[in-house]
Amino acid sequence: MEGNLPEPACADGGATSDAADRYWEPWLSMWRANALLLVEPWDNAIRAFAERAQFLPRRMAALELDRDKLARAKPLTVSELVERCTTCENPEQCEWDLRENPANPAWQAYCPNAARLMALANQPAFRTTAQRTADPLP
């Protein structure tokens, strides 16, 4: 029984970390094996969710919205946008529109974030730098 106990700590801490590694490795190996069994059936669902997670940043880029500025200034708004986007009923249409013609306003008819995104796109504070420099000077 004593052979399975961790070694006492040394001044340099090396023996402690080696003992911890030996203690945890069997548990981690079992967890990894079981996690793979659990993830396998969900692989397609996880992949689809990861793809869907890219729609909002792509739409924001098409509208020339600066995601970082928006996230810093309005984190709750970004959270709401993400939530609506991930529960959208038209992900296939959104993907097609983003791929074929992101400038086509047809997306506004089905997107649950359309009104909010358009309102944000009209606020100069959230525009990308490239768009800001493209604006004509008064």
C-alpha atoms as a PDB file:
ATOM      1  CA  MET A   1       0.000   0.000   0.000  1.00  0.00           C
ATOM      2  CA  GLU A   2       2.819   2.384   0.831  1.00  0.00           C
ATOM      3  CA  GLY A   3       4.276   2.006  -2.683  1.00  0.00           C
ATOM      4  CA  ASN A   4       1.231   3.837  -4.126  1.00  0.00           C
ATOM      5  CA  LEU A   5       1.528   6.890  -1.921  1.00  0.00           C
ATOM      6  CA  PRO A   6       3.183  10.026  -3.249  1.00  0.00           C
ATOM      7  CA  GLU A   7       6.768  10.649  -2.223  1.00  0.00           C
ATOM      8  CA  PRO A   8       7.440  13.406   0.308  1.00  0.00           C
ATOM      9  CA  ALA A   9       8.161  16.849  -1.074  1.00  0.00           C
ATOM     10  CA  CYS A  10      11.771  17.743  -1.768  1.00  0.00           C
ATOM     11  CA  ALA A  11      13.228  21.179  -1.505  1.00  0.00           C
ATOM     12  CA  ASP A  12      13.209  21.555  -5.302  1.00  0.00           C
ATOM     13  CA  GLY A  13       9.698  20.121  -5.705  1.00  0.00           C
ATOM     14  CA  GLY A  14      10.819  17.608  -8.367  1.00  0.00           C
ATOM     15  CA  ALA A  15       9.882  14.478  -6.461  1.00  0.00           C
ATOM     16  CA  THR A  16       6.457  15.869  -5.664  1.00  0.00           C
ATOM     17  CA  SER A  17       5.584  16.572  -9.285  1.00  0.00           C
ATOM     18  CA  ASP A  18       6.917  13.152 -10.379  1.00  0.00           C
ATOM     19  CA  ALA A  19       4.808  11.464  -7.718  1.00  0.00           C
ATOM     20  CA  ALA A  20       1.761  13.474  -8.726  1.00  0.00           C
ATOM     21  CA  ASP A  21       2.306  12.512 -12.357  1.00  0.00           C
ATOM     22  CA  ARG A  22       2.513   8.827 -11.419  1.00  0.00           C
ATOM     23  CA  TYR A  23      -0.610   9.124  -9.282  1.00  0.00           C
ATOM     24  CA  TRP A  24      -2.760  10.942 -11.828  1.00  0.00           C
ATOM     25  CA  GLU A  25      -1.618   9.278 -15.057  1.00  0.00           C
ATOM     26  CA  PRO A  26      -3.807   6.145 -14.718  1.00  0.00           C
ATOM     27  CA  TRP A  27      -6.845   8.288 -13.946  1.00  0.00           C
ATOM     28  CA  LEU A  28      -6.131  10.621 -16.823  1.00  0.00           C
ATOM     29  CA  SER A  29      -5.668   7.685 -19.190  1.00  0.00           C
ATOM     30  CA  MET A  30      -9.047   6.263 -18.192  1.00  0.00           C
ATOM     31  CA  TRP A  31     -10.686   9.669 -18.529  1.00  0.00           C
ATOM     32  CA  ARG A  32      -9.193  10.201 -22.001  1.00  0.00           C
ATOM     33  CA  ALA A  33     -10.403   6.794 -23.181  1.00  0.00           C
ATOM     34  CA  ASN A  34     -13.917   7.370 -21.830  1.00  0.00           C
ATOM     35  CA  ALA A  35     -14.028  10.933 -23.141  1.00  0.00           C
ATOM     36  CA  LEU A  36     -13.265   9.679 -26.634  1.00  0.00           C
ATOM     37  CA  LEU A  37     -16.141   7.216 -26.385  1.00  0.00           C
ATOM     38  CA  LEU A  38     -18.487   9.988 -25.282  1.00  0.00           C
ATOM     39  CA  VAL A  39     -17.342  12.496 -27.899  1.00  0.00           C
ATOM     40  CA  GLU A  40     -17.450  10.141 -30.897  1.00  0.00           C
ATOM     41  CA  PRO A  41     -21.258  10.281 -31.414  1.00  0.00           C
ATOM     42  CA  TRP A  42     -21.230  14.043 -30.888  1.00  0.00           C
ATOM     43  CA  ASP A  43     -18.471  14.739 -33.400  1.00  0.00           C
ATOM     44  CA  ASN A  44     -20.815  15.988 -36.135  1.00  0.00           C
ATOM     45  CA  ALA A  45     -22.817  18.106 -33.712  1.00  0.00           C
ATOM     46  CA  ILE A  46     -19.663  19.708 -32.320  1.00  0.00           C
ATOM     47  CA  ARG A  47     -18.359  20.357 -35.829  1.00  0.00           C
ATOM     48  CA  ALA A  48     -21.692  21.934 -36.860  1.00  0.00           C
ATOM     49  CA  PHE A  49     -21.706  24.141 -33.758  1.00  0.00           C
ATOM     50  CA  ALA A  50     -18.125  25.248 -34.465  1.00  0.00           C
ATOM     51  CA  GLU A  51     -19.059  26.147 -38.033  1.00  0.00           C
ATOM     52  CA  ARG A  52     -22.168  27.997 -36.902  1.00  0.00           C
ATOM     53  CA  ALA A  53     -20.066  29.956 -34.398  1.00  0.00           C
ATOM     54  CA  GLN A  54     -18.247  31.537 -37.349  1.00  0.00           C
ATOM     55  CA  PHE A  55     -21.383  33.039 -38.916  1.00  0.00           C
ATOM     56  CA  LEU A  56     -21.622  36.011 -36.565  1.00  0.00           C
ATOM     57  CA  PRO A  57     -17.986  37.129 -36.975  1.00  0.00           C
ATOM     58  CA  ARG A  58     -18.337  36.739 -40.753  1.00  0.00           C
ATOM     59  CA  ARG A  59     -21.547  38.808 -40.804  1.00  0.00           C
ATOM     60  CA  MET A  60     -19.893  41.472 -38.641  1.00  0.00           C
ATOM     61  CA  ALA A  61     -16.936  41.583 -41.036  1.00  0.00           C
ATOM     62  CA  ALA A  62     -19.329  41.959 -43.971  1.00  0.00           C
ATOM     63  CA  LEU A  63     -20.907  44.920 -42.164  1.00  0.00           C
ATOM     64  CA  GLU A  64     -17.415  46.271 -41.386  1.00  0.00           C
ATOM     65  CA  LEU A  65     -18.015  46.076 -37.656  1.00  0.00           C
ATOM     66  CA  ASP A  66     -14.986  45.841 -35.388  1.00  0.00           C
ATOM     67  CA  ARG A  67     -15.656  42.794 -33.206  1.00  0.00           C
ATOM     68  CA  ASP A  68     -13.003  43.697 -30.636  1.00  0.00           C
ATOM     69  CA  LYS A  69     -14.237  47.245 -30.102  1.00  0.00           C
ATOM     70  CA  LEU A  70     -17.792  46.006 -29.777  1.00  0.00           C
ATOM     71  CA  ALA A  71     -16.824  43.256 -27.324  1.00  0.00           C
ATOM     72  CA  ARG A  72     -14.951  45.733 -25.121  1.00  0.00           C
ATOM     73  CA  ALA A  73     -17.664  48.388 -25.170  1.00  0.00           C
ATOM     74  CA  LYS A  74     -20.785  46.207 -25.113  1.00  0.00           C
ATOM     75  CA  PRO A  75     -20.051  42.702 -23.821  1.00  0.00           C
ATOM     76  CA  LEU A  76     -23.703  42.014 -22.970  1.00  0.00           C
ATOM     77  CA  THR A  77     -24.755  42.956 -26.496  1.00  0.00           C
ATOM     78  CA  VAL A  78     -22.172  40.589 -27.953  1.00  0.00           C
ATOM     79  CA  SER A  79     -23.379  37.826 -25.642  1.00  0.00           C
ATOM     80  CA  GLU A  80     -26.968  38.365 -26.828  1.00  0.00           C
ATOM     81  CA  LEU A  81     -25.860  38.379 -30.466  1.00  0.00           C
ATOM     82  CA  VAL A  82     -23.995  35.092 -29.989  1.00  0.00           C
ATOM     83  CA  GLU A  83     -26.947  33.488 -28.223  1.00  0.00           C
ATOM     84  CA  ARG A  84     -29.385  34.491 -30.958  1.00  0.00           C
ATOM     85  CA  CYS A  85     -26.993  33.388 -33.674  1.00  0.00           C
ATOM     86  CA  THR A  86     -26.440  29.939 -32.189  1.00  0.00           C
ATOM     87  CA  THR A  87     -30.184  29.351 -31.872  1.00  0.00           C
ATOM     88  CA  CYS A  88     -31.021  30.662 -35.350  1.00  0.00           C
ATOM     89  CA  GLU A  89     -33.474  28.607 -37.375  1.00  0.00           C
ATOM     90  CA  ASN A  90     -31.784  29.424 -40.711  1.00  0.00           C
ATOM     91  CA  PRO A  91     -28.098  28.499 -40.437  1.00  0.00           C
ATOM     92  CA  GLU A  92     -27.989  26.969 -43.920  1.00  0.00           C
ATOM     93  CA  GLN A  93     -29.413  30.115 -45.509  1.00  0.00           C
ATOM     94  CA  CYS A  94     -27.025  32.269 -43.510  1.00  0.00           C
ATOM     95  CA  GLU A  95     -24.047  30.187 -44.581  1.00  0.00           C
ATOM     96  CA  TRP A  96     -25.124  30.348 -48.224  1.00  0.00           C
ATOM     97  CA  ASP A  97     -25.658  34.124 -48.104  1.00  0.00           C
ATOM     98  CA  LEU A  98     -22.291  34.703 -46.439  1.00  0.00           C
ATOM     99  CA  ARG A  99     -20.539  32.519 -48.983  1.00  0.00           C
ATOM    100  CA  GLU A 100     -22.295  33.740 -52.141  1.00  0.00           C
ATOM    101  CA  ASN A 101     -22.961  37.435 -51.530  1.00  0.00           C
ATOM    102  CA  PRO A 102     -22.497  38.866 -48.025  1.00  0.00           C
ATOM    103  CA  ALA A 103     -23.589  42.327 -49.215  1.00  0.00           C
ATOM    104  CA  ASN A 104     -27.032  41.069 -50.295  1.00  0.00           C
ATOM    105  CA  PRO A 105     -29.581  42.471 -47.801  1.00  0.00           C
ATOM    106  CA  ALA A 106     -31.729  39.300 -48.017  1.00  0.00           C
ATOM    107  CA  TRP A 107     -30.198  38.065 -44.739  1.00  0.00           C
ATOM    108  CA  GLN A 108     -32.065  40.800 -42.863  1.00  0.00           C
ATOM    109  CA  ALA A 109     -35.374  39.030 -43.507  1.00  0.00           C
ATOM    110  CA  TYR A 110     -34.486  35.899 -41.513  1.00  0.00           C
ATOM    111  CA  CYS A 111     -31.628  36.865 -39.181  1.00  0.00           C
ATOM    112  CA  PRO A 112     -32.693  37.292 -35.537  1.00  0.00           C
ATOM    113  CA  ASN A 113     -29.783  39.756 -35.117  1.00  0.00           C
ATOM    114  CA  ALA A 114     -30.487  41.868 -38.201  1.00  0.00           C
ATOM    115  CA  ALA A 115     -31.945  44.934 -36.483  1.00  0.00           C
ATOM    116  CA  ARG A 116     -29.263  45.021 -33.776  1.00  0.00           C
ATOM    117  CA  LEU A 117     -26.400  44.463 -36.250  1.00  0.00           C
ATOM    118  CA  MET A 118     -27.662  47.168 -38.595  1.00  0.00           C
ATOM    119  CA  ALA A 119     -28.006  49.604 -35.680  1.00  0.00           C
ATOM    120  CA  LEU A 120     -24.444  48.827 -34.586  1.00  0.00           C
ATOM    121  CA  ALA A 121     -23.155  49.162 -38.164  1.00  0.00           C
ATOM    122  CA  ASN A 122     -24.537  52.708 -38.218  1.00  0.00           C
ATOM    123  CA  GLN A 123     -22.514  53.700 -35.156  1.00  0.00           C
ATOM    124  CA  PRO A 124     -19.066  55.026 -36.201  1.00  0.00           C
ATOM    125  CA  ALA A 125     -17.525  53.949 -32.879  1.00  0.00           C
ATOM    126  CA  PHE A 126     -17.850  50.289 -33.894  1.00  0.00           C
ATOM    127  CA  ARG A 127     -16.697  50.527 -37.495  1.00  0.00           C
ATOM    128  CA  THR A 128     -13.463  48.989 -38.633  1.00  0.00           C
ATOM    129  CA  THR A 129     -10.553  51.361 -39.155  1.00  0.00           C
ATOM    130  CA  ALA A 130     -10.609  50.713 -42.915  1.00  0.00           C
ATOM    131  CA  GLN A 131     -14.178  51.956 -43.181  1.00  0.00           C
ATOM    132  CA  ARG A 132     -13.507  54.973 -40.992  1.00  0.00           C
ATOM    133  CA  THR A 133     -10.643  56.144 -43.229  1.00  0.00           C
ATOM    134  CA  ALA A 134     -12.811  55.548 -46.301  1.00  0.00           C
ATOM    135  CA  ASP A 135     -15.462  58.001 -45.100  1.00  0.00           C
ATOM    136  CA  PRO A 136     -15.284  61.333 -46.952  1.00  0.00           C
ATOM    137  CA  LEU A 137     -14.004  64.276 -44.963  1.00  0.00           C
ATOM    138  CA  PRO A 138     -16.517  67.081 -44.338  1.00  0.00           C
END
